[in-house]
């Protein structure tokens, strides 16, 4: 009786130990019988990670190239701006300090243009027309031409040009305000210069306050 129990116990123990080995053998035989299915599963396990890596690389490469080119372009633009600024500074220095034919230094001072100043071009034109005097001399001549004012004075006043407001616009045009102490206006006068003298005064337009 004891021998039978011992045998049954040994058989049961052997079955427990051999069961995992038999399962492994069954799986190996199954894969051997169906090698294509096993190969496909293996290929899928390899293919999908590789495909994912390739897609990531395809997305990263264009971005990397764009960032590189953009950085390169910004660097080139910065270099160009610096170069232009340097050239501009050199030109300004040359203009601000130049030697004239006598060896003197001509210093050019940056000053804003005066909108009320007589134009340099008109000064040159007057010189070409033979006028060598001062611009104010033309104004003084105009002050004597009160017959140009086409309006009668009122309340015993006398029409005359306002010396402090008469303005020479160019070598041909004058803006000439006038009044009689009670009412006034302005004239737009065109003058002609010949041989250094004003020969003609023509009223091109006029306006009287209140009209």
C-alpha atoms as a PDB file:
ATOM      1  CA  UNK A   1       0.000   0.000   0.000  1.00  0.00           C
ATOM      2  CA  UNK A   2       2.799   2.379   0.809  1.00  0.00           C
ATOM      3  CA  UNK A   3       4.556   1.520  -2.439  1.00  0.00           C
ATOM      4  CA  UNK A   4       1.436   2.441  -4.440  1.00  0.00           C
ATOM      5  CA  UNK A   5       1.074   5.791  -2.732  1.00  0.00           C
ATOM      6  CA  UNK A   6       4.737   6.553  -3.253  1.00  0.00           C
ATOM      7  CA  UNK A   7       4.449   5.733  -6.987  1.00  0.00           C
ATOM      8  CA  UNK A   8       1.373   7.892  -7.420  1.00  0.00           C
ATOM      9  CA  UNK A   9       3.080  10.767  -5.659  1.00  0.00           C
ATOM     10  CA  UNK A  10       6.164  10.458  -7.894  1.00  0.00           C
ATOM     11  CA  UNK A  11       4.008  10.298 -11.043  1.00  0.00           C
ATOM     12  CA  UNK A  12       2.069  13.405 -10.044  1.00  0.00           C
ATOM     13  CA  UNK A  13       5.298  15.278  -9.307  1.00  0.00           C
ATOM     14  CA  UNK A  14       6.782  14.297 -12.665  1.00  0.00           C
ATOM     15  CA  UNK A  15       3.622  15.414 -14.489  1.00  0.00           C
ATOM     16  CA  UNK A  16       3.860  18.893 -12.874  1.00  0.00           C
ATOM     17  CA  UNK A  17       7.509  19.217 -13.855  1.00  0.00           C
ATOM     18  CA  UNK A  18       7.039  17.969 -17.404  1.00  0.00           C
ATOM     19  CA  UNK A  19       3.878  20.022 -18.196  1.00  0.00           C
ATOM     20  CA  UNK A  20       5.732  23.336 -18.973  1.00  0.00           C
ATOM     21  CA  UNK A  21       8.216  21.469 -21.134  1.00  0.00           C
ATOM     22  CA  UNK A  22       5.393  19.827 -23.110  1.00  0.00           C
ATOM     23  CA  UNK A  23       3.694  23.232 -23.615  1.00  0.00           C
ATOM     24  CA  UNK A  24       6.943  24.689 -24.940  1.00  0.00           C
ATOM     25  CA  UNK A  25       7.370  21.756 -27.293  1.00  0.00           C
ATOM     26  CA  UNK A  26       3.798  22.237 -28.559  1.00  0.00           C
ATOM     27  CA  UNK A  27       4.445  25.937 -29.309  1.00  0.00           C
ATOM     28  CA  UNK A  28       7.685  25.131 -31.109  1.00  0.00           C
ATOM     29  CA  UNK A  29       5.900  22.489 -33.199  1.00  0.00           C
ATOM     30  CA  UNK A  30       3.073  24.944 -33.982  1.00  0.00           C
ATOM     31  CA  UNK A  31       5.531  27.600 -35.165  1.00  0.00           C
ATOM     32  CA  UNK A  32       7.358  24.980 -37.181  1.00  0.00           C
ATOM     33  CA  UNK A  33       4.163  23.937 -38.890  1.00  0.00           C
ATOM     34  CA  UNK A  34       3.156  27.570 -39.623  1.00  0.00           C
ATOM     35  CA  UNK A  35       6.493  29.412 -40.157  1.00  0.00           C
ATOM     36  CA  UNK A  36       4.921  32.090 -42.412  1.00  0.00           C
ATOM     37  CA  UNK A  37       2.529  33.378 -39.747  1.00  0.00           C
ATOM     38  CA  UNK A  38       5.309  33.530 -37.207  1.00  0.00           C
ATOM     39  CA  UNK A  39       7.571  35.321 -39.677  1.00  0.00           C
ATOM     40  CA  UNK A  40       4.885  37.892 -40.443  1.00  0.00           C
ATOM     41  CA  UNK A  41       4.385  38.627 -36.754  1.00  0.00           C
ATOM     42  CA  UNK A  42       8.113  39.074 -36.386  1.00  0.00           C
ATOM     43  CA  UNK A  43       8.270  41.308 -39.436  1.00  0.00           C
ATOM     44  CA  UNK A  44       5.430  43.482 -38.111  1.00  0.00           C
ATOM     45  CA  UNK A  45       7.210  43.869 -34.795  1.00  0.00           C
ATOM     46  CA  UNK A  46      10.295  45.154 -36.634  1.00  0.00           C
ATOM     47  CA  UNK A  47       8.504  47.152 -39.392  1.00  0.00           C
ATOM     48  CA  UNK A  48       6.308  49.471 -37.316  1.00  0.00           C
ATOM     49  CA  UNK A  49       9.095  50.847 -35.071  1.00  0.00           C
ATOM     50  CA  UNK A  50      11.290  51.434 -38.134  1.00  0.00           C
ATOM     51  CA  UNK A  51       8.428  53.167 -39.973  1.00  0.00           C
ATOM     52  CA  UNK A  52       7.727  55.404 -36.984  1.00  0.00           C
ATOM     53  CA  UNK A  53      11.404  56.371 -36.749  1.00  0.00           C
ATOM     54  CA  UNK A  54      11.478  57.227 -40.473  1.00  0.00           C
ATOM     55  CA  UNK A  55       8.378  59.423 -40.184  1.00  0.00           C
ATOM     56  CA  UNK A  56       9.884  61.297 -37.243  1.00  0.00           C
ATOM     57  CA  UNK A  57      13.076  61.870 -39.232  1.00  0.00           C
ATOM     58  CA  UNK A  58      11.078  63.104 -42.246  1.00  0.00           C
ATOM     59  CA  UNK A  59       9.332  65.640 -40.009  1.00  0.00           C
ATOM     60  CA  UNK A  60      12.484  66.769 -38.227  1.00  0.00           C
ATOM     61  CA  UNK A  61      14.750  67.176 -41.264  1.00  0.00           C
ATOM     62  CA  UNK A  62      12.733  69.986 -43.011  1.00  0.00           C
ATOM     63  CA  UNK A  63      12.308  71.831 -39.701  1.00  0.00           C
ATOM     64  CA  UNK A  64      16.021  71.586 -39.008  1.00  0.00           C
ATOM     65  CA  UNK A  65      16.883  72.825 -42.505  1.00  0.00           C
ATOM     66  CA  UNK A  66      14.425  75.760 -42.179  1.00  0.00           C
ATOM     67  CA  UNK A  67      15.856  76.805 -38.816  1.00  0.00           C
ATOM     68  CA  UNK A  68      19.391  76.615 -40.189  1.00  0.00           C
ATOM     69  CA  UNK A  69      18.590  78.663 -43.304  1.00  0.00           C
ATOM     70  CA  UNK A  70      16.629  81.212 -41.272  1.00  0.00           C
ATOM     71  CA  UNK A  71      19.506  81.666 -38.841  1.00  0.00           C
ATOM     72  CA  UNK A  72      21.922  81.980 -41.760  1.00  0.00           C
ATOM     73  CA  UNK A  73      19.718  84.590 -43.447  1.00  0.00           C
ATOM     74  CA  UNK A  74      19.427  86.638 -40.233  1.00  0.00           C
ATOM     75  CA  UNK A  75      23.173  86.526 -39.813  1.00  0.00           C
ATOM     76  CA  UNK A  76      23.760  87.716 -43.390  1.00  0.00           C
ATOM     77  CA  UNK A  77      21.176  90.505 -42.997  1.00  0.00           C
ATOM     78  CA  UNK A  78      22.802  91.658 -39.766  1.00  0.00           C
ATOM     79  CA  UNK A  79      26.217  91.708 -41.443  1.00  0.00           C
ATOM     80  CA  UNK A  80      24.825  93.714 -44.375  1.00  0.00           C
ATOM     81  CA  UNK A  81      23.184  96.289 -42.082  1.00  0.00           C
ATOM     82  CA  UNK A  82      26.397  96.684 -40.100  1.00  0.00           C
ATOM     83  CA  UNK A  83      28.372  97.148 -43.302  1.00  0.00           C
ATOM     84  CA  UNK A  84      25.962  99.775 -44.638  1.00  0.00           C
ATOM     85  CA  UNK A  85      25.992 101.655 -41.325  1.00  0.00           C
ATOM     86  CA  UNK A  86      29.783 101.651 -41.379  1.00  0.00           C
ATOM     87  CA  UNK A  87      29.878 102.987 -44.949  1.00  0.00           C
ATOM     88  CA  UNK A  88      27.315 105.660 -44.073  1.00  0.00           C
ATOM     89  CA  UNK A  89      29.374 106.796 -41.086  1.00  0.00           C
ATOM     90  CA  UNK A  90      32.470 107.056 -43.285  1.00  0.00           C
ATOM     91  CA  UNK A  91      30.621 109.181 -45.842  1.00  0.00           C
ATOM     92  CA  UNK A  92      29.275 111.486 -43.126  1.00  0.00           C
ATOM     93  CA  UNK A  93      32.774 111.990 -41.755  1.00  0.00           C
ATOM     94  CA  UNK A  94      34.060 112.816 -45.227  1.00  0.00           C
ATOM     95  CA  UNK A  95      31.278 115.344 -45.798  1.00  0.00           C
ATOM     96  CA  UNK A  96      31.676 117.012 -42.411  1.00  0.00           C
ATOM     97  CA  UNK A  97      35.377 117.608 -42.864  1.00  0.00           C
ATOM     98  CA  UNK A  98      36.707 118.239 -46.382  1.00  0.00           C
ATOM     99  CA  UNK A  99      39.689 120.241 -47.537  1.00  0.00           C
ATOM    100  CA  UNK A 100      38.990 122.959 -50.089  1.00  0.00           C
ATOM    101  CA  UNK A 101      41.397 124.064 -52.799  1.00  0.00           C
ATOM    102  CA  UNK A 102      43.207 126.453 -50.400  1.00  0.00           C
ATOM    103  CA  UNK A 103      43.741 123.788 -47.784  1.00  0.00           C
ATOM    104  CA  UNK A 104      41.160 125.168 -45.356  1.00  0.00           C
ATOM    105  CA  UNK A 105      38.799 122.786 -43.629  1.00  0.00           C
ATOM    106  CA  UNK A 106      35.147 123.083 -44.527  1.00  0.00           C
ATOM    107  CA  UNK A 107      32.910 121.919 -41.700  1.00  0.00           C
ATOM    108  CA  UNK A 108      29.378 121.023 -42.692  1.00  0.00           C
ATOM    109  CA  UNK A 109      26.927 121.519 -39.839  1.00  0.00           C
ATOM    110  CA  UNK A 110      23.673 119.616 -39.899  1.00  0.00           C
ATOM    111  CA  UNK A 111      20.957 122.236 -39.458  1.00  0.00           C
ATOM    112  CA  UNK A 112      17.233 121.978 -40.174  1.00  0.00           C
ATOM    113  CA  UNK A 113      16.006 123.849 -43.235  1.00  0.00           C
ATOM    114  CA  UNK A 114      14.218 127.113 -42.536  1.00  0.00           C
ATOM    115  CA  UNK A 115      10.867 127.023 -44.393  1.00  0.00           C
ATOM    116  CA  UNK A 116      10.853 130.846 -44.427  1.00  0.00           C
ATOM    117  CA  UNK A 117      14.326 131.175 -45.935  1.00  0.00           C
ATOM    118  CA  UNK A 118      14.761 132.415 -49.486  1.00  0.00           C
ATOM    119  CA  UNK A 119      15.504 129.390 -51.715  1.00  0.00           C
ATOM    120  CA  UNK A 120      19.145 128.907 -52.666  1.00  0.00           C
ATOM    121  CA  UNK A 121      18.099 128.031 -56.220  1.00  0.00           C
ATOM    122  CA  UNK A 122      16.386 131.424 -56.569  1.00  0.00           C
ATOM    123  CA  UNK A 123      19.507 133.204 -55.271  1.00  0.00           C
ATOM    124  CA  UNK A 124      21.523 131.522 -57.991  1.00  0.00           C
ATOM    125  CA  UNK A 125      18.918 132.487 -60.588  1.00  0.00           C
ATOM    126  CA  UNK A 126      19.008 136.146 -59.492  1.00  0.00           C
ATOM    127  CA  UNK A 127      22.787 136.142 -59.847  1.00  0.00           C
ATOM    128  CA  UNK A 128      22.390 134.788 -63.363  1.00  0.00           C
ATOM    129  CA  UNK A 129      19.987 137.676 -64.063  1.00  0.00           C
ATOM    130  CA  UNK A 130      22.626 140.173 -62.924  1.00  0.00           C
ATOM    131  CA  UNK A 131      21.275 140.976 -59.454  1.00  0.00           C
ATOM    132  CA  UNK A 132      24.121 141.321 -56.964  1.00  0.00           C
ATOM    133  CA  UNK A 133      22.349 143.095 -54.109  1.00  0.00           C
ATOM    134  CA  UNK A 134      20.589 141.844 -50.991  1.00  0.00           C
ATOM    135  CA  UNK A 135      17.204 140.151 -51.152  1.00  0.00           C
ATOM    136  CA  UNK A 136      15.746 142.824 -48.854  1.00  0.00           C
ATOM    137  CA  UNK A 137      16.477 145.434 -51.541  1.00  0.00           C
ATOM    138  CA  UNK A 138      13.789 143.862 -53.739  1.00  0.00           C
ATOM    139  CA  UNK A 139      11.366 144.067 -50.824  1.00  0.00           C
ATOM    140  CA  UNK A 140      12.199 147.729 -50.312  1.00  0.00           C
ATOM    141  CA  UNK A 141      11.461 148.429 -53.955  1.00  0.00           C
ATOM    142  CA  UNK A 142       8.089 146.739 -53.621  1.00  0.00           C
ATOM    143  CA  UNK A 143       7.141 148.884 -50.598  1.00  0.00           C
ATOM    144  CA  UNK A 144       7.187 151.890 -52.902  1.00  0.00           C
ATOM    145  CA  UNK A 145       4.763 150.306 -55.399  1.00  0.00           C
ATOM    146  CA  UNK A 146       1.566 151.033 -53.438  1.00  0.00           C
ATOM    147  CA  UNK A 147      -0.275 151.726 -56.718  1.00  0.00           C
ATOM    148  CA  UNK A 148      -0.370 147.942 -57.156  1.00  0.00           C
ATOM    149  CA  UNK A 149      -2.942 147.622 -54.320  1.00  0.00           C
ATOM    150  CA  UNK A 150      -6.321 147.495 -56.117  1.00  0.00           C
ATOM    151  CA  UNK A 151      -8.452 148.551 -53.121  1.00  0.00           C
ATOM    152  CA  UNK A 152      -9.454 151.958 -51.772  1.00  0.00           C
ATOM    153  CA  UNK A 153      -8.693 152.791 -48.123  1.00  0.00           C
ATOM    154  CA  UNK A 154     -11.481 153.435 -45.629  1.00  0.00           C
ATOM    155  CA  UNK A 155     -11.972 155.841 -42.754  1.00  0.00           C
ATOM    156  CA  UNK A 156      -9.154 158.066 -43.931  1.00  0.00           C
ATOM    157  CA  UNK A 157      -6.548 155.341 -43.884  1.00  0.00           C
ATOM    158  CA  UNK A 158      -3.675 154.868 -46.376  1.00  0.00           C
ATOM    159  CA  UNK A 159      -3.118 151.557 -48.141  1.00  0.00           C
ATOM    160  CA  UNK A 160       0.459 150.305 -47.814  1.00  0.00           C
ATOM    161  CA  UNK A 161       2.353 147.035 -47.763  1.00  0.00           C
ATOM    162  CA  UNK A 162       3.129 145.416 -44.434  1.00  0.00           C
ATOM    163  CA  UNK A 163       6.933 145.459 -44.419  1.00  0.00           C
ATOM    164  CA  UNK A 164       7.138 142.904 -41.602  1.00  0.00           C
ATOM    165  CA  UNK A 165       4.979 140.429 -43.508  1.00  0.00           C
ATOM    166  CA  UNK A 166       6.095 140.816 -47.129  1.00  0.00           C
ATOM    167  CA  UNK A 167       7.845 137.639 -48.210  1.00  0.00           C
ATOM    168  CA  UNK A 168       9.906 136.946 -51.326  1.00  0.00           C
ATOM    169  CA  UNK A 169       8.961 133.428 -52.385  1.00  0.00           C
ATOM    170  CA  UNK A 170      11.434 133.081 -55.260  1.00  0.00           C
ATOM    171  CA  UNK A 171      13.219 134.976 -58.023  1.00  0.00           C
ATOM    172  CA  UNK A 172       9.777 135.621 -59.589  1.00  0.00           C
ATOM    173  CA  UNK A 173       7.099 135.606 -56.863  1.00  0.00           C
ATOM    174  CA  UNK A 174       6.277 137.782 -53.839  1.00  0.00           C
ATOM    175  CA  UNK A 175       3.588 137.381 -51.196  1.00  0.00           C
ATOM    176  CA  UNK A 176       2.589 140.918 -50.172  1.00  0.00           C
ATOM    177  CA  UNK A 177       0.091 141.593 -47.337  1.00  0.00           C
ATOM    178  CA  UNK A 178      -1.295 145.142 -47.107  1.00  0.00           C
ATOM    179  CA  UNK A 179      -3.673 147.218 -44.977  1.00  0.00           C
ATOM    180  CA  UNK A 180      -4.790 150.791 -44.231  1.00  0.00           C
ATOM    181  CA  UNK A 181      -5.047 150.398 -40.482  1.00  0.00           C
ATOM    182  CA  UNK A 182      -8.729 149.367 -40.727  1.00  0.00           C
ATOM    183  CA  UNK A 183      -8.942 146.692 -43.414  1.00  0.00           C
ATOM    184  CA  UNK A 184      -6.465 144.813 -45.551  1.00  0.00           C
ATOM    185  CA  UNK A 185      -5.628 141.739 -47.549  1.00  0.00           C
ATOM    186  CA  UNK A 186      -2.768 140.346 -49.594  1.00  0.00           C
ATOM    187  CA  UNK A 187      -1.428 140.251 -53.142  1.00  0.00           C
ATOM    188  CA  UNK A 188       0.406 137.594 -55.104  1.00  0.00           C
ATOM    189  CA  UNK A 189       2.874 139.515 -57.263  1.00  0.00           C
ATOM    190  CA  UNK A 190       5.086 138.299 -60.085  1.00  0.00           C
ATOM    191  CA  UNK A 191       8.174 140.414 -60.783  1.00  0.00           C
ATOM    192  CA  UNK A 192      10.754 140.313 -63.544  1.00  0.00           C
ATOM    193  CA  UNK A 193      14.468 140.957 -63.212  1.00  0.00           C
ATOM    194  CA  UNK A 194      16.538 142.274 -66.128  1.00  0.00           C
ATOM    195  CA  UNK A 195      20.148 143.352 -65.968  1.00  0.00           C
ATOM    196  CA  UNK A 196      20.072 143.235 -62.187  1.00  0.00           C
ATOM    197  CA  UNK A 197      16.981 145.449 -61.819  1.00  0.00           C
ATOM    198  CA  UNK A 198      13.271 144.782 -61.295  1.00  0.00           C
ATOM    199  CA  UNK A 199      11.516 145.995 -64.429  1.00  0.00           C
ATOM    200  CA  UNK A 200       7.945 144.738 -64.036  1.00  0.00           C
ATOM    201  CA  UNK A 201       5.474 144.130 -61.200  1.00  0.00           C
ATOM    202  CA  UNK A 202       2.318 142.165 -62.058  1.00  0.00           C
ATOM    203  CA  UNK A 203      -0.502 141.415 -59.616  1.00  0.00           C
ATOM    204  CA  UNK A 204      -1.500 137.837 -60.358  1.00  0.00           C
ATOM    205  CA  UNK A 205      -4.067 137.463 -57.572  1.00  0.00           C
ATOM    206  CA  UNK A 206      -5.464 139.482 -54.688  1.00  0.00           C
ATOM    207  CA  UNK A 207      -7.685 139.070 -51.657  1.00  0.00           C
ATOM    208  CA  UNK A 208      -9.336 141.580 -49.297  1.00  0.00           C
ATOM    209  CA  UNK A 209     -10.462 140.543 -45.858  1.00  0.00           C
ATOM    210  CA  UNK A 210     -14.248 140.402 -45.673  1.00  0.00           C
ATOM    211  CA  UNK A 211     -14.790 139.885 -49.422  1.00  0.00           C
END
